[in-house]
Amino acid sequence: MNKLVLFGAGKIGRSFIGQLFSRGGYEVVFVDINPLVIDALNRYREYKVVIKSEQGDELLWVKNVRGIHASEAEKITAELVSATLAAVSVGQRGLSQVIPLLARAIEQRHHTRRQPLDIILAENMRNAAEYVFTELQKIVSPAVPLDRMVGLVETSIGKMVPLMPPEEEQKDILQVFAEPYNTLILDKKGFKNPVPSVPGLAPKENIKAWVDRKSFIHNFGHAAVAYTGFLYNPDFKYLYEALQVKAIRDFVRTAMHEAAAILMKKYPGEFTREDLSDHIDDLILRFQNKALGDTIYRVGCDLKRKLSENDRVAGLLHEGIKYNMPFDNILFVLICGFCFRAKDSSGKMFLPDEEFLKETEQYGLGAMLKNHCGIHHPLIIEKALYFMKNLQKVFQEKIK
């Protein structure tokens, strides 16, 4: 039987990657730092994914699974040496713990004359394959032909998995909520072995374009809803509440179309206007899924990361500047982000957001736009400062 070793038994790992490959006929071996999750996987050998939609819940049972704790290096290496495929869904900070284990297994696979190891990088990060290859090079013996022994497969993760209510987690530590969307876009060229024949996989020739589509349309659209929705009404809790306001929905759609035009300019021939327009309409519909219970707080918080130079808003703005495309609405979303003060269910802001906003007060918006968002053009900074100074007036003009 085919076997997938999957680092990360979190929400995306269980609801998406593990679920797809298990249903595609693979045994899925999860590696995770949470001993309770690992114990439960080994005890039950199955778990459920609750597909949340306004038509009602659907249960998917994911079977033929087991787990290994991340500290069991010898066991993990042995599983990787005999694996058909590996996948990583741990977040960028977790990669530093995973890469040495992958390096060790790659060396052993080379010495035992096994096939190259394809590794699906289920991470929402740009240039993930380049980053992982560089880190592996630092560890793997020069005698091992790394470029032949490993396939690094970038992905575009479009599945939305909201936070679960604590009472649901207490009921069943393994169950996870997710939306119906179930397509994994991945890099066709990244594989050294044949692309797995698993329903739901969508291999693409130009994965960079699709990673940017996720970041600059999906993630940017999410941010636009959260930041403008909060300014419109700080008492809004859920994403769907903001999108029930036609003025917000219309502005978000306009801003996402501005993003789509930039994407088409950057990747000529990869997308059509009709395709991206349909994608935007589908996303706005998915964002309004009440059954997901997705909150403005969750989608908007972590400002230091989400407003940084290469992320969903400022990164898109830089592309607009580079290709001399309109970006006025994108810049406005960035400024709305600096006004985001949403609180969680306990009435508290995300602590790093408090620190980020204090830093903004201390140094000023102009300095933050330069030093954090990487914006140095004086006319753009001037426009951004105008937006902030006249926020209510501009907001009413754009969201009317």
Protein backbone atom coordinates (compact mmCIF):
# COMPACT_ATOMS: atom_id res chain seq x y z
CA MET A 1 0.00 0.00 0.00
CA ASN A 2 1.13 3.56 -0.71
CA LYS A 3 2.16 5.50 2.37
CA LEU A 4 2.22 9.24 3.08
CA VAL A 5 4.28 10.55 6.01
CA LEU A 6 2.65 13.85 6.94
CA PHE A 7 4.36 16.32 9.29
CA GLY A 8 1.64 18.29 11.04
CA ALA A 9 -1.60 16.85 12.40
CA GLY A 10 -3.18 20.29 12.68
CA LYS A 11 -6.30 21.63 11.00
CA ILE A 12 -4.96 21.64 7.42
CA GLY A 13 -3.05 18.39 7.93
CA ARG A 14 -6.11 16.48 9.16
CA SER A 15 -8.95 18.16 7.23
CA PHE A 16 -7.21 18.50 3.88
CA ILE A 17 -3.90 16.75 3.16
CA GLY A 18 -4.45 13.64 5.29
CA GLN A 19 -8.09 13.40 4.23
CA LEU A 20 -7.31 13.62 0.49
CA PHE A 21 -4.57 10.98 0.55
CA SER A 22 -6.40 8.62 2.90
CA ARG A 23 -9.45 8.68 0.65
CA GLY A 24 -7.08 8.24 -2.30
CA GLY A 25 -5.92 4.87 -0.93
CA TYR A 26 -2.84 5.88 1.09
CA GLU A 27 -1.93 4.96 4.62
CA VAL A 28 -1.32 8.29 6.36
CA VAL A 29 1.31 8.47 9.11
CA PHE A 30 1.05 11.76 11.00
CA VAL A 31 4.06 13.26 12.79
CA ASP A 32 3.22 15.89 15.39
CA ILE A 33 4.38 17.46 18.65
CA ASN A 34 1.01 17.01 20.40
CA PRO A 35 1.10 13.72 22.33
CA LEU A 36 -2.67 13.72 22.91
CA VAL A 37 -3.38 13.89 19.17
CA ILE A 38 -0.78 11.19 18.42
CA ASP A 39 -2.19 8.91 21.14
CA ALA A 40 -5.72 9.38 19.81
CA LEU A 41 -4.64 8.64 16.21
CA ASN A 42 -2.99 5.41 17.33
CA ARG A 43 -5.94 4.41 19.49
CA TYR A 44 -8.74 4.98 16.97
CA ARG A 45 -6.93 4.82 13.60
CA GLU A 46 -9.62 7.12 12.17
CA TYR A 47 -11.13 10.57 12.68
CA LYS A 48 -13.94 12.69 11.29
CA VAL A 49 -13.95 15.88 9.25
CA VAL A 50 -17.14 17.91 9.62
CA ILE A 51 -17.87 19.69 6.34
CA LYS A 52 -19.71 22.90 7.27
CA SER A 53 -22.14 24.39 4.79
CA GLU A 54 -25.40 26.27 4.98
CA GLN A 55 -27.13 23.16 3.60
CA GLY A 56 -26.10 21.26 6.73
CA ASP A 57 -23.13 19.32 8.08
CA GLU A 58 -21.60 16.38 6.24
CA LEU A 59 -19.32 13.89 7.99
CA LEU A 60 -16.23 12.46 6.30
CA TRP A 61 -14.48 9.60 8.06
CA VAL A 62 -10.73 9.50 7.44
CA LYS A 63 -9.41 5.98 7.99
CA ASN A 64 -6.11 4.05 7.87
CA VAL A 65 -4.18 6.65 9.88
CA ARG A 66 -1.69 6.47 12.72
CA GLY A 67 0.78 8.78 14.41
CA ILE A 68 4.37 9.22 15.61
CA HIS A 69 5.49 11.84 18.09
CA ALA A 70 7.92 14.37 16.60
CA SER A 71 10.60 13.43 19.17
CA GLU A 72 10.88 9.85 17.84
CA ALA A 73 13.55 10.59 15.25
CA GLU A 74 14.53 6.96 14.52
CA LYS A 75 10.95 5.88 13.88
CA ILE A 76 10.28 8.91 11.71
CA THR A 77 13.38 8.26 9.61
CA ALA A 78 12.40 4.63 9.10
CA GLU A 79 8.90 5.65 7.99
CA LEU A 80 10.31 8.22 5.56
CA VAL A 81 12.77 5.75 4.07
CA SER A 82 9.91 3.38 3.17
CA ALA A 83 7.36 6.09 2.32
CA THR A 84 5.83 6.62 -1.10
CA LEU A 85 5.52 10.33 -0.40
CA ALA A 86 5.98 12.93 2.35
CA ALA A 87 4.13 16.15 3.12
CA VAL A 88 4.75 19.07 5.46
CA SER A 89 2.08 21.26 7.05
CA VAL A 90 3.71 22.78 10.12
CA GLY A 91 4.09 26.51 9.33
CA GLN A 92 7.35 28.22 8.50
CA ARG A 93 8.54 28.27 12.11
CA GLY A 94 8.09 24.51 12.38
CA LEU A 95 10.13 23.76 9.27
CA SER A 96 13.43 24.13 11.14
CA GLN A 97 12.49 21.05 13.22
CA VAL A 98 11.33 19.01 10.23
CA ILE A 99 14.14 19.66 7.74
CA PRO A 100 16.86 17.71 9.65
CA LEU A 101 14.57 14.66 9.75
CA LEU A 102 13.93 14.93 6.02
CA ALA A 103 17.67 15.31 5.36
CA ARG A 104 18.48 12.16 7.29
CA ALA A 105 15.87 10.15 5.40
CA ILE A 106 17.01 11.47 2.02
CA GLU A 107 20.57 10.32 2.76
CA GLN A 108 19.37 6.85 3.79
CA ARG A 109 17.15 6.55 0.73
CA HIS A 110 20.16 7.38 -1.44
CA HIS A 111 22.40 4.83 0.31
CA THR A 112 19.74 2.10 0.02
CA ARG A 113 19.12 2.95 -3.68
CA ARG A 114 15.51 3.92 -3.18
CA GLN A 115 13.47 6.28 -5.31
CA PRO A 116 13.68 10.04 -4.75
CA LEU A 117 11.44 11.38 -2.00
CA ASP A 118 8.75 13.77 -3.19
CA ILE A 119 7.72 16.20 -0.43
CA ILE A 120 4.47 18.17 -0.72
CA LEU A 121 5.00 21.57 0.93
CA ALA A 122 1.51 22.35 2.20
CA GLU A 123 2.57 25.73 3.52
CA ASN A 124 1.16 29.15 2.71
CA MET A 125 4.54 30.65 1.88
CA ARG A 126 6.03 31.94 -1.33
CA ASN A 127 9.20 30.29 -2.68
CA ALA A 128 8.78 27.39 -0.24
CA ALA A 129 10.70 24.91 -2.43
CA GLU A 130 13.68 27.23 -2.77
CA TYR A 131 13.76 27.81 0.98
CA VAL A 132 13.57 24.10 1.88
CA PHE A 133 16.15 23.09 -0.74
CA THR A 134 18.61 25.70 0.58
CA GLU A 135 18.12 24.47 4.15
CA LEU A 136 18.52 20.81 3.11
CA GLN A 137 21.77 21.65 1.29
CA LYS A 138 23.24 22.84 4.59
CA ILE A 139 22.70 19.40 6.16
CA VAL A 140 22.69 16.70 3.49
CA SER A 141 26.10 15.19 2.68
CA PRO A 142 27.67 16.60 -0.51
CA ALA A 143 28.03 12.97 -1.66
CA VAL A 144 24.23 12.78 -2.00
CA PRO A 145 22.85 14.25 -5.28
CA LEU A 146 20.16 16.28 -3.54
CA ASP A 147 18.66 17.67 -6.73
CA ARG A 148 18.00 14.09 -7.91
CA MET A 149 16.94 12.59 -4.58
CA VAL A 150 14.24 15.05 -3.53
CA GLY A 151 11.22 16.56 -5.25
CA LEU A 152 9.92 19.70 -3.54
CA VAL A 153 6.30 20.30 -4.48
CA GLU A 154 4.90 23.74 -3.73
CA THR A 155 1.15 24.10 -3.19
CA SER A 156 -1.57 26.70 -3.09
CA ILE A 157 -3.73 25.97 -0.04
CA GLY A 158 -7.18 27.41 -0.67
CA LYS A 159 -9.18 25.39 1.88
CA MET A 160 -10.62 27.41 4.76
CA VAL A 161 -10.51 25.75 8.17
CA PRO A 162 -11.87 27.99 10.95
CA LEU A 163 -11.17 27.69 14.64
CA MET A 164 -13.40 25.16 16.37
CA PRO A 165 -15.40 26.02 19.50
CA PRO A 166 -13.51 24.75 22.58
CA GLU A 167 -16.45 22.54 23.57
CA GLU A 168 -16.24 20.74 20.22
CA GLU A 169 -12.51 20.13 20.65
CA GLN A 170 -13.11 18.74 24.13
CA LYS A 171 -15.72 16.35 22.73
CA ASP A 172 -13.33 14.85 20.20
CA ILE A 173 -9.69 15.90 19.96
CA LEU A 174 -9.36 14.53 16.42
CA GLN A 175 -12.42 15.96 14.71
CA VAL A 176 -11.96 19.07 12.61
CA PHE A 177 -14.30 21.49 10.83
CA ALA A 178 -13.74 22.54 7.21
CA GLU A 179 -15.52 24.03 4.22
CA PRO A 180 -16.62 21.89 1.23
CA TYR A 181 -13.83 23.18 -1.09
CA ASN A 182 -11.43 20.27 -1.53
CA THR A 183 -8.94 20.98 -4.33
CA LEU A 184 -5.19 20.88 -3.71
CA ILE A 185 -3.32 22.93 -6.32
CA LEU A 186 0.30 21.78 -6.56
CA ASP A 187 3.43 22.04 -8.68
CA LYS A 188 3.42 19.45 -11.46
CA LYS A 189 7.10 20.13 -12.16
CA GLY A 190 8.12 19.62 -8.54
CA PHE A 191 7.64 15.84 -8.57
CA LYS A 192 10.56 13.51 -9.30
CA ASN A 193 8.20 10.52 -9.38
CA PRO A 194 4.85 10.38 -11.25
CA VAL A 195 2.17 12.70 -9.86
CA PRO A 196 -0.01 10.68 -7.44
CA SER A 197 -3.35 9.55 -8.83
CA VAL A 198 -5.42 11.01 -6.01
CA PRO A 199 -8.83 12.69 -6.56
CA GLY A 200 -8.70 16.37 -5.61
CA LEU A 201 -5.11 17.02 -6.74
CA ALA A 202 -4.80 19.75 -9.39
CA PRO A 203 -1.22 19.82 -10.78
CA LYS A 204 -0.19 23.11 -12.43
CA GLU A 205 2.72 23.91 -14.75
CA ASN A 206 3.32 27.41 -13.31
CA ILE A 207 2.80 27.04 -9.57
CA LYS A 208 4.23 30.51 -8.81
CA ALA A 209 1.22 32.07 -10.53
CA TRP A 210 -1.20 29.96 -8.48
CA VAL A 211 0.59 30.65 -5.18
CA ASP A 212 0.32 34.36 -5.98
CA ARG A 213 -3.36 33.91 -6.89
CA LYS A 214 -3.93 32.49 -3.39
CA SER A 215 -1.97 35.27 -1.68
CA PHE A 216 -3.07 38.24 -3.77
CA ILE A 217 -6.71 37.37 -4.41
CA HIS A 218 -7.87 34.94 -1.70
CA ASN A 219 -5.77 36.19 1.22
CA PHE A 220 -6.00 39.82 0.10
CA GLY A 221 -9.78 39.54 -0.27
CA HIS A 222 -10.02 38.04 3.21
CA ALA A 223 -8.00 40.96 4.61
CA ALA A 224 -10.12 43.50 2.73
CA VAL A 225 -13.33 42.10 4.29
CA ALA A 226 -11.86 42.02 7.81
CA TYR A 227 -10.30 45.48 7.79
CA THR A 228 -13.14 47.35 6.09
CA GLY A 229 -15.77 45.34 7.99
CA PHE A 230 -14.21 46.29 11.32
CA LEU A 231 -14.11 49.98 10.39
CA TYR A 232 -17.70 49.87 9.18
CA ASN A 233 -18.91 48.37 12.44
CA PRO A 234 -16.49 47.33 15.22
CA ASP A 235 -19.28 45.21 16.72
CA PHE A 236 -19.36 42.88 13.74
CA LYS A 237 -18.07 39.47 14.83
CA TYR A 238 -18.35 37.30 11.73
CA LEU A 239 -17.09 37.72 8.20
CA TYR A 240 -20.52 37.07 6.77
CA GLU A 241 -21.95 40.01 8.76
CA ALA A 242 -19.62 42.41 6.97
CA LEU A 243 -20.37 40.89 3.58
CA GLN A 244 -24.11 41.21 4.14
CA VAL A 245 -23.50 44.97 3.72
CA LYS A 246 -23.71 45.56 -0.02
CA ALA A 247 -21.31 48.53 0.08
CA ILE A 248 -18.58 46.40 1.70
CA ARG A 249 -19.24 43.50 -0.65
CA ASP A 250 -19.02 45.81 -3.68
CA PHE A 251 -15.80 47.45 -2.48
CA VAL A 252 -14.15 44.10 -1.73
CA ARG A 253 -15.09 42.80 -5.17
CA THR A 254 -13.68 45.97 -6.80
CA ALA A 255 -10.43 45.70 -4.83
CA MET A 256 -10.08 42.01 -5.72
CA HIS A 257 -10.59 42.83 -9.40
CA GLU A 258 -7.82 45.41 -9.05
CA ALA A 259 -5.65 42.58 -7.71
CA ALA A 260 -6.72 40.29 -10.55
CA ALA A 261 -5.62 42.84 -13.17
CA ILE A 262 -2.16 42.97 -11.57
CA LEU A 263 -1.97 39.17 -11.52
CA MET A 264 -2.86 38.98 -15.22
CA LYS A 265 -0.18 41.54 -16.02
CA LYS A 266 2.41 39.59 -14.05
CA TYR A 267 1.49 36.20 -15.54
CA PRO A 268 0.29 36.85 -19.11
CA GLY A 269 -1.61 33.91 -20.55
CA GLU A 270 -1.92 32.01 -17.24
CA PHE A 271 -5.34 33.37 -16.26
CA THR A 272 -8.27 34.83 -18.15
CA ARG A 273 -10.33 37.74 -16.89
CA GLU A 274 -13.37 35.48 -16.86
CA ASP A 275 -11.59 32.79 -14.82
CA LEU A 276 -10.43 35.27 -12.20
CA SER A 277 -13.82 37.00 -12.09
CA ASP A 278 -15.51 33.63 -11.46
CA HIS A 279 -12.88 32.85 -8.80
CA ILE A 280 -13.56 36.17 -7.05
CA ASP A 281 -17.33 35.58 -7.07
CA ASP A 282 -16.80 32.07 -5.70
CA LEU A 283 -14.52 33.34 -2.92
CA ILE A 284 -16.95 36.04 -1.85
CA LEU A 285 -19.65 33.38 -1.70
CA ARG A 286 -17.39 31.08 0.33
CA PHE A 287 -16.43 33.93 2.68
CA GLN A 288 -20.17 34.28 3.47
CA ASN A 289 -20.58 30.66 4.59
CA LYS A 290 -22.30 31.17 7.97
CA ALA A 291 -21.76 27.55 8.94
CA LEU A 292 -17.98 28.12 9.04
CA GLY A 293 -18.40 30.76 11.75
CA ASP A 294 -15.25 32.52 10.54
CA THR A 295 -14.56 35.68 12.54
CA ILE A 296 -13.27 39.09 11.54
CA TYR A 297 -10.80 38.80 14.42
CA ARG A 298 -9.28 35.55 13.14
CA VAL A 299 -9.06 36.68 9.52
CA GLY A 300 -7.62 40.10 10.30
CA CYS A 301 -5.29 39.62 13.28
CA ASP A 302 -1.51 39.12 13.13
CA LEU A 303 -0.93 42.53 11.56
CA LYS A 304 2.85 42.40 11.73
CA ARG A 305 2.83 39.46 9.33
CA LYS A 306 -0.21 40.33 7.22
CA LEU A 307 0.87 43.94 6.58
CA SER A 308 4.52 43.06 5.95
CA GLU A 309 6.38 43.85 2.76
CA ASN A 310 5.88 40.53 0.95
CA ASP A 311 2.50 39.48 2.29
CA ARG A 312 -1.06 39.71 0.98
CA VAL A 313 -1.57 43.50 0.97
CA ALA A 314 1.78 45.30 0.78
CA GLY A 315 3.21 42.53 -1.40
CA LEU A 316 0.33 43.02 -3.85
CA LEU A 317 0.84 46.78 -3.73
CA HIS A 318 4.48 46.33 -4.73
CA GLU A 319 3.41 44.25 -7.73
CA GLY A 320 0.98 46.99 -8.73
CA ILE A 321 3.76 49.57 -8.54
CA LYS A 322 6.16 47.32 -10.46
CA TYR A 323 3.74 46.76 -13.34
CA ASN A 324 2.38 50.32 -13.33
CA MET A 325 -1.17 49.12 -12.62
CA PRO A 326 -3.92 50.85 -10.57
CA PHE A 327 -3.59 50.08 -6.84
CA ASP A 328 -5.60 52.81 -5.09
CA ASN A 329 -8.02 50.37 -3.42
CA ILE A 330 -5.20 48.06 -2.38
CA LEU A 331 -3.43 50.97 -0.70
CA PHE A 332 -6.66 51.86 1.08
CA VAL A 333 -7.00 48.29 2.41
CA LEU A 334 -3.44 48.57 3.76
CA ILE A 335 -4.35 51.75 5.65
CA CYS A 336 -7.52 50.12 6.99
CA GLY A 337 -5.24 47.36 8.30
CA PHE A 338 -3.36 49.89 10.42
CA CYS A 339 -6.74 50.79 12.01
CA PHE A 340 -7.69 47.19 12.85
CA ARG A 341 -8.43 46.68 16.55
CA ALA A 342 -10.73 43.66 16.60
CA LYS A 343 -10.96 41.61 19.80
CA ASP A 344 -11.40 37.91 20.43
CA SER A 345 -14.30 36.26 22.25
CA SER A 346 -12.74 37.16 25.62
CA GLY A 347 -12.59 40.86 24.68
CA LYS A 348 -8.83 40.98 24.09
CA MET A 349 -6.80 42.05 21.10
CA PHE A 350 -4.13 39.74 19.70
CA LEU A 351 -1.13 40.69 21.86
CA PRO A 352 1.38 41.07 18.98
CA ASP A 353 -1.15 43.39 17.28
CA GLU A 354 -1.19 45.64 20.34
CA GLU A 355 2.60 45.78 20.21
CA PHE A 356 2.58 46.45 16.44
CA LEU A 357 0.11 49.34 16.82
CA LYS A 358 2.11 50.82 19.72
CA GLU A 359 5.14 50.73 17.45
CA THR A 360 3.12 52.55 14.78
CA GLU A 361 2.14 55.23 17.31
CA GLN A 362 5.74 55.57 18.42
CA TYR A 363 7.39 55.88 15.01
CA GLY A 364 4.51 57.17 12.91
CA LEU A 365 2.66 55.69 9.94
CA GLY A 366 5.12 57.07 7.39
CA ALA A 367 8.05 55.30 9.03
CA MET A 368 6.10 52.02 9.30
CA LEU A 369 5.13 52.19 5.63
CA LYS A 370 8.82 52.51 4.76
CA ASN A 371 10.38 50.14 7.27
CA HIS A 372 7.71 47.47 7.61
CA CYS A 373 5.78 47.60 4.33
CA GLY A 374 8.80 48.50 2.17
CA ILE A 375 7.07 51.50 0.55
CA HIS A 376 9.53 54.27 -0.27
CA HIS A 377 7.90 56.20 -3.10
CA PRO A 378 7.11 59.67 -1.64
CA LEU A 379 3.88 60.16 -3.61
CA ILE A 380 2.51 56.79 -2.46
CA ILE A 381 3.39 57.55 1.15
CA GLU A 382 1.75 60.96 0.75
CA LYS A 383 -1.42 59.29 -0.58
CA ALA A 384 -1.42 56.78 2.27
CA LEU A 385 -1.05 59.55 4.86
CA TYR A 386 -3.92 61.41 3.19
CA PHE A 387 -6.08 58.28 3.46
CA MET A 388 -5.31 58.00 7.17
CA LYS A 389 -5.85 61.69 7.91
CA ASN A 390 -9.18 61.72 6.06
CA LEU A 391 -10.15 58.15 6.88
CA GLN A 392 -13.87 58.65 7.46
CA LYS A 393 -14.29 60.79 4.35
CA VAL A 394 -12.36 58.36 2.13
CA PHE A 395 -14.13 55.38 3.69
CA GLN A 396 -17.53 56.88 2.88
CA GLU A 397 -16.39 57.62 -0.69
CA LYS A 398 -15.16 54.08 -1.29
CA ILE A 399 -17.79 52.19 0.69
CA LYS A 400 -21.04 53.83 -0.25
